[in-house]
Amino acid sequence: MPNLPSAKKRMRQNVKLRARNRWRKDRIKQAVREFDEALQSGDKAKAAEQLKLVYKQIDQVAAKKTIHKNTAARRKAGLAKRLATA
């Protein structure tokens, strides 16, 4: 346990930030799952529409620096490739 007041404050902040970051990443995972479901159903139009929403989520999370911008680009490229091959 931290002893210094500033360390105690950092610990409190880290708990909040961790929860916020996990929430943001979970939103991405949920959007990707919905994209996968649309892809599995064979509806390319719905999957393409869902891909736009996934892109938006990924870009927002990368803008907040929860994930790195290169990680965001890599995930988006992989999703686009999955749509193209489906």
N, C-alpha and C. Protein backbone atom coordinates (compact mmCIF):
# COMPACT_ATOMS: atom_id res chain seq x y z
N MET A 1 0.84 -1.19 0.00
CA MET A 1 0.00 0.00 0.00
C MET A 1 0.88 1.25 0.00
N PRO A 2 0.46 2.25 -0.72
CA PRO A 2 1.24 3.49 -0.76
C PRO A 2 1.13 4.25 0.56
N ASN A 3 2.19 4.94 0.88
CA ASN A 3 2.22 5.72 2.11
C ASN A 3 2.11 7.22 1.85
N LEU A 4 2.71 7.67 0.77
CA LEU A 4 2.69 9.10 0.47
C LEU A 4 1.31 9.51 -0.06
N PRO A 5 0.89 10.72 0.26
CA PRO A 5 -0.42 11.18 -0.22
C PRO A 5 -0.54 11.18 -1.75
N SER A 6 0.54 11.57 -2.43
CA SER A 6 0.48 11.60 -3.89
C SER A 6 0.37 10.18 -4.46
N ALA A 7 1.02 9.23 -3.80
CA ALA A 7 0.92 7.84 -4.26
C ALA A 7 -0.48 7.29 -4.02
N LYS A 8 -1.10 7.69 -2.92
CA LYS A 8 -2.47 7.27 -2.64
C LYS A 8 -3.42 7.83 -3.69
N LYS A 9 -3.19 9.09 -4.06
CA LYS A 9 -4.03 9.71 -5.08
C LYS A 9 -3.85 9.00 -6.43
N ARG A 10 -2.61 8.69 -6.78
CA ARG A 10 -2.35 8.00 -8.04
C ARG A 10 -3.05 6.64 -8.06
N MET A 11 -3.06 5.99 -6.91
CA MET A 11 -3.73 4.69 -6.83
C MET A 11 -5.23 4.84 -7.07
N ARG A 12 -5.83 5.87 -6.48
CA ARG A 12 -7.26 6.11 -6.71
C ARG A 12 -7.52 6.43 -8.18
N GLN A 13 -6.66 7.25 -8.76
CA GLN A 13 -6.84 7.62 -10.17
C GLN A 13 -6.69 6.40 -11.08
N ASN A 14 -5.71 5.55 -10.75
CA ASN A 14 -5.46 4.38 -11.58
C ASN A 14 -6.65 3.42 -11.59
N VAL A 15 -7.33 3.33 -10.47
CA VAL A 15 -8.52 2.47 -10.41
C VAL A 15 -9.58 3.00 -11.37
N LYS A 16 -9.80 4.31 -11.36
CA LYS A 16 -10.79 4.91 -12.25
C LYS A 16 -10.37 4.77 -13.71
N LEU A 17 -9.09 5.04 -13.99
CA LEU A 17 -8.61 4.97 -15.36
C LEU A 17 -8.67 3.54 -15.90
N ARG A 18 -8.34 2.58 -15.05
CA ARG A 18 -8.38 1.19 -15.47
C ARG A 18 -9.80 0.79 -15.83
N ALA A 19 -10.75 1.19 -15.01
CA ALA A 19 -12.15 0.87 -15.29
C ALA A 19 -12.60 1.52 -16.60
N ARG A 20 -12.21 2.76 -16.81
CA ARG A 20 -12.59 3.47 -18.04
C ARG A 20 -11.96 2.81 -19.26
N ASN A 21 -10.68 2.44 -19.16
CA ASN A 21 -10.00 1.80 -20.29
C ASN A 21 -10.61 0.44 -20.61
N ARG A 22 -10.93 -0.32 -19.57
CA ARG A 22 -11.56 -1.62 -19.79
C ARG A 22 -12.92 -1.45 -20.46
N TRP A 23 -13.68 -0.44 -20.06
CA TRP A 23 -14.98 -0.17 -20.67
C TRP A 23 -14.82 0.15 -22.15
N ARG A 24 -13.83 0.97 -22.48
CA ARG A 24 -13.60 1.33 -23.88
C ARG A 24 -13.20 0.11 -24.70
N LYS A 25 -12.31 -0.71 -24.18
CA LYS A 25 -11.89 -1.90 -24.91
C LYS A 25 -13.04 -2.89 -25.05
N ASP A 26 -13.88 -2.98 -24.04
CA ASP A 26 -15.04 -3.87 -24.12
C ASP A 26 -16.00 -3.41 -25.20
N ARG A 27 -16.13 -2.10 -25.38
CA ARG A 27 -17.00 -1.58 -26.45
C ARG A 27 -16.48 -2.03 -27.82
N ILE A 28 -15.16 -2.02 -27.99
CA ILE A 28 -14.58 -2.49 -29.25
C ILE A 28 -14.89 -3.96 -29.44
N LYS A 29 -14.66 -4.75 -28.41
CA LYS A 29 -14.90 -6.19 -28.51
C LYS A 29 -16.36 -6.49 -28.84
N GLN A 30 -17.26 -5.75 -28.23
CA GLN A 30 -18.69 -5.95 -28.50
C GLN A 30 -19.01 -5.60 -29.95
N ALA A 31 -18.45 -4.52 -30.45
CA ALA A 31 -18.70 -4.12 -31.84
C ALA A 31 -18.13 -5.16 -32.80
N VAL A 32 -16.96 -5.70 -32.48
CA VAL A 32 -16.35 -6.72 -33.34
C VAL A 32 -17.20 -7.99 -33.34
N ARG A 33 -17.73 -8.35 -32.18
CA ARG A 33 -18.60 -9.53 -32.11
C ARG A 33 -19.84 -9.34 -32.99
N GLU A 34 -20.42 -8.15 -32.96
CA GLU A 34 -21.59 -7.88 -33.80
C GLU A 34 -21.21 -7.94 -35.28
N PHE A 35 -20.01 -7.46 -35.61
CA PHE A 35 -19.52 -7.54 -36.99
C PHE A 35 -19.36 -9.00 -37.40
N ASP A 36 -18.79 -9.82 -36.51
CA ASP A 36 -18.61 -11.24 -36.80
C ASP A 36 -19.95 -11.94 -37.03
N GLU A 37 -20.94 -11.60 -36.20
CA GLU A 37 -22.26 -12.20 -36.37
C GLU A 37 -22.86 -11.84 -37.72
N ALA A 38 -22.70 -10.60 -38.13
CA ALA A 38 -23.20 -10.18 -39.44
C ALA A 38 -22.46 -10.90 -40.55
N LEU A 39 -21.16 -11.10 -40.36
CA LEU A 39 -20.35 -11.79 -41.35
C LEU A 39 -20.75 -13.26 -41.44
N GLN A 40 -20.99 -13.89 -40.29
CA GLN A 40 -21.38 -15.30 -40.27
C GLN A 40 -22.75 -15.52 -40.90
N SER A 41 -23.62 -14.53 -40.77
CA SER A 41 -24.96 -14.68 -41.34
C SER A 41 -24.94 -14.56 -42.87
N GLY A 42 -23.83 -14.07 -43.41
CA GLY A 42 -23.71 -13.97 -44.86
C GLY A 42 -24.23 -12.66 -45.43
N ASP A 43 -24.64 -11.75 -44.60
CA ASP A 43 -25.18 -10.47 -45.04
C ASP A 43 -24.03 -9.46 -45.14
N LYS A 44 -23.46 -9.34 -46.35
CA LYS A 44 -22.30 -8.46 -46.51
C LYS A 44 -22.65 -6.99 -46.33
N ALA A 45 -23.87 -6.61 -46.71
CA ALA A 45 -24.27 -5.21 -46.55
C ALA A 45 -24.34 -4.84 -45.07
N LYS A 46 -24.92 -5.73 -44.28
CA LYS A 46 -25.01 -5.48 -42.84
C LYS A 46 -23.62 -5.50 -42.21
N ALA A 47 -22.77 -6.41 -42.69
CA ALA A 47 -21.40 -6.50 -42.16
C ALA A 47 -20.62 -5.23 -42.51
N ALA A 48 -20.81 -4.71 -43.71
CA ALA A 48 -20.12 -3.48 -44.11
C ALA A 48 -20.58 -2.30 -43.26
N GLU A 49 -21.87 -2.26 -42.98
CA GLU A 49 -22.41 -1.20 -42.12
C GLU A 49 -21.86 -1.33 -40.70
N GLN A 50 -21.80 -2.56 -40.23
CA GLN A 50 -21.27 -2.80 -38.88
C GLN A 50 -19.78 -2.47 -38.82
N LEU A 51 -19.07 -2.69 -39.93
CA LEU A 51 -17.64 -2.39 -39.97
C LEU A 51 -17.40 -0.90 -39.77
N LYS A 52 -18.28 -0.07 -40.31
CA LYS A 52 -18.16 1.38 -40.10
C LYS A 52 -18.24 1.72 -38.62
N LEU A 53 -19.17 1.06 -37.93
CA LEU A 53 -19.32 1.31 -36.49
C LEU A 53 -18.10 0.83 -35.71
N VAL A 54 -17.53 -0.29 -36.13
CA VAL A 54 -16.33 -0.80 -35.47
C VAL A 54 -15.18 0.18 -35.68
N TYR A 55 -15.04 0.67 -36.92
CA TYR A 55 -13.99 1.66 -37.21
C TYR A 55 -14.14 2.87 -36.30
N LYS A 56 -15.38 3.33 -36.14
CA LYS A 56 -15.63 4.51 -35.31
C LYS A 56 -15.20 4.25 -33.88
N GLN A 57 -15.57 3.09 -33.34
CA GLN A 57 -15.20 2.75 -31.96
C GLN A 57 -13.68 2.69 -31.82
N ILE A 58 -13.02 2.03 -32.76
CA ILE A 58 -11.56 1.88 -32.68
C ILE A 58 -10.89 3.24 -32.76
N ASP A 59 -11.35 4.09 -33.67
CA ASP A 59 -10.75 5.42 -33.81
C ASP A 59 -10.94 6.26 -32.55
N GLN A 60 -12.11 6.16 -31.95
CA GLN A 60 -12.35 6.93 -30.72
C GLN A 60 -11.45 6.47 -29.59
N VAL A 61 -11.29 5.17 -29.46
CA VAL A 61 -10.45 4.63 -28.38
C VAL A 61 -8.98 4.98 -28.63
N ALA A 62 -8.56 4.94 -29.89
CA ALA A 62 -7.18 5.30 -30.22
C ALA A 62 -6.94 6.80 -29.98
N ALA A 63 -7.95 7.62 -30.23
CA ALA A 63 -7.81 9.06 -30.00
C ALA A 63 -7.62 9.36 -28.52
N LYS A 64 -8.23 8.55 -27.66
CA LYS A 64 -8.08 8.72 -26.22
C LYS A 64 -6.82 8.06 -25.69
N LYS A 65 -6.06 7.43 -26.60
CA LYS A 65 -4.78 6.77 -26.28
C LYS A 65 -4.94 5.57 -25.35
N THR A 66 -6.12 4.97 -25.37
CA THR A 66 -6.30 3.72 -24.63
C THR A 66 -5.59 2.60 -25.37
N ILE A 67 -5.65 2.63 -26.71
CA ILE A 67 -4.83 1.74 -27.52
C ILE A 67 -3.98 2.61 -28.44
N HIS A 68 -2.86 2.07 -28.87
CA HIS A 68 -1.94 2.81 -29.73
C HIS A 68 -2.55 2.95 -31.13
N LYS A 69 -2.18 4.01 -31.82
CA LYS A 69 -2.76 4.26 -33.15
C LYS A 69 -2.37 3.17 -34.14
N ASN A 70 -1.16 2.60 -33.99
CA ASN A 70 -0.76 1.51 -34.89
C ASN A 70 -1.56 0.24 -34.61
N THR A 71 -1.87 0.00 -33.35
CA THR A 71 -2.72 -1.13 -32.99
C THR A 71 -4.10 -0.95 -33.61
N ALA A 72 -4.60 0.26 -33.55
CA ALA A 72 -5.91 0.55 -34.14
C ALA A 72 -5.88 0.30 -35.65
N ALA A 73 -4.83 0.76 -36.30
CA ALA A 73 -4.71 0.58 -37.75
C ALA A 73 -4.61 -0.90 -38.10
N ARG A 74 -3.87 -1.66 -37.30
CA ARG A 74 -3.71 -3.09 -37.55
C ARG A 74 -5.05 -3.82 -37.40
N ARG A 75 -5.80 -3.47 -36.38
CA ARG A 75 -7.11 -4.11 -36.17
C ARG A 75 -8.07 -3.77 -37.30
N LYS A 76 -8.07 -2.51 -37.73
CA LYS A 76 -8.95 -2.09 -38.81
C LYS A 76 -8.60 -2.81 -40.11
N ALA A 77 -7.30 -2.95 -40.38
CA ALA A 77 -6.88 -3.63 -41.61
C ALA A 77 -7.29 -5.10 -41.58
N GLY A 78 -7.16 -5.72 -40.43
CA GLY A 78 -7.56 -7.13 -40.32
C GLY A 78 -9.05 -7.32 -40.51
N LEU A 79 -9.84 -6.41 -39.97
CA LEU A 79 -11.29 -6.50 -40.13
C LEU A 79 -11.69 -6.28 -41.59
N ALA A 80 -11.03 -5.33 -42.25
CA ALA A 80 -11.33 -5.07 -43.66
C ALA A 80 -10.99 -6.28 -44.51
N LYS A 81 -9.89 -6.94 -44.18
CA LYS A 81 -9.49 -8.13 -44.91
C LYS A 81 -10.51 -9.25 -44.72
N ARG A 82 -11.02 -9.39 -43.51
CA ARG A 82 -12.02 -10.42 -43.24
C ARG A 82 -13.30 -10.16 -44.02
N LEU A 83 -13.67 -8.90 -44.15
CA LEU A 83 -14.87 -8.57 -44.92
C LEU A 83 -14.64 -8.85 -46.40
N ALA A 84 -13.46 -8.52 -46.89
CA ALA A 84 -13.17 -8.69 -48.31
C ALA A 84 -13.13 -10.17 -48.71
N THR A 85 -12.66 -11.02 -47.82
CA THR A 85 -12.56 -12.44 -48.15
C THR A 85 -13.86 -13.20 -47.90
N ALA A 86 -14.81 -12.57 -47.22
CA ALA A 86 -16.07 -13.26 -46.92
C ALA A 86 -16.99 -13.31 -48.12
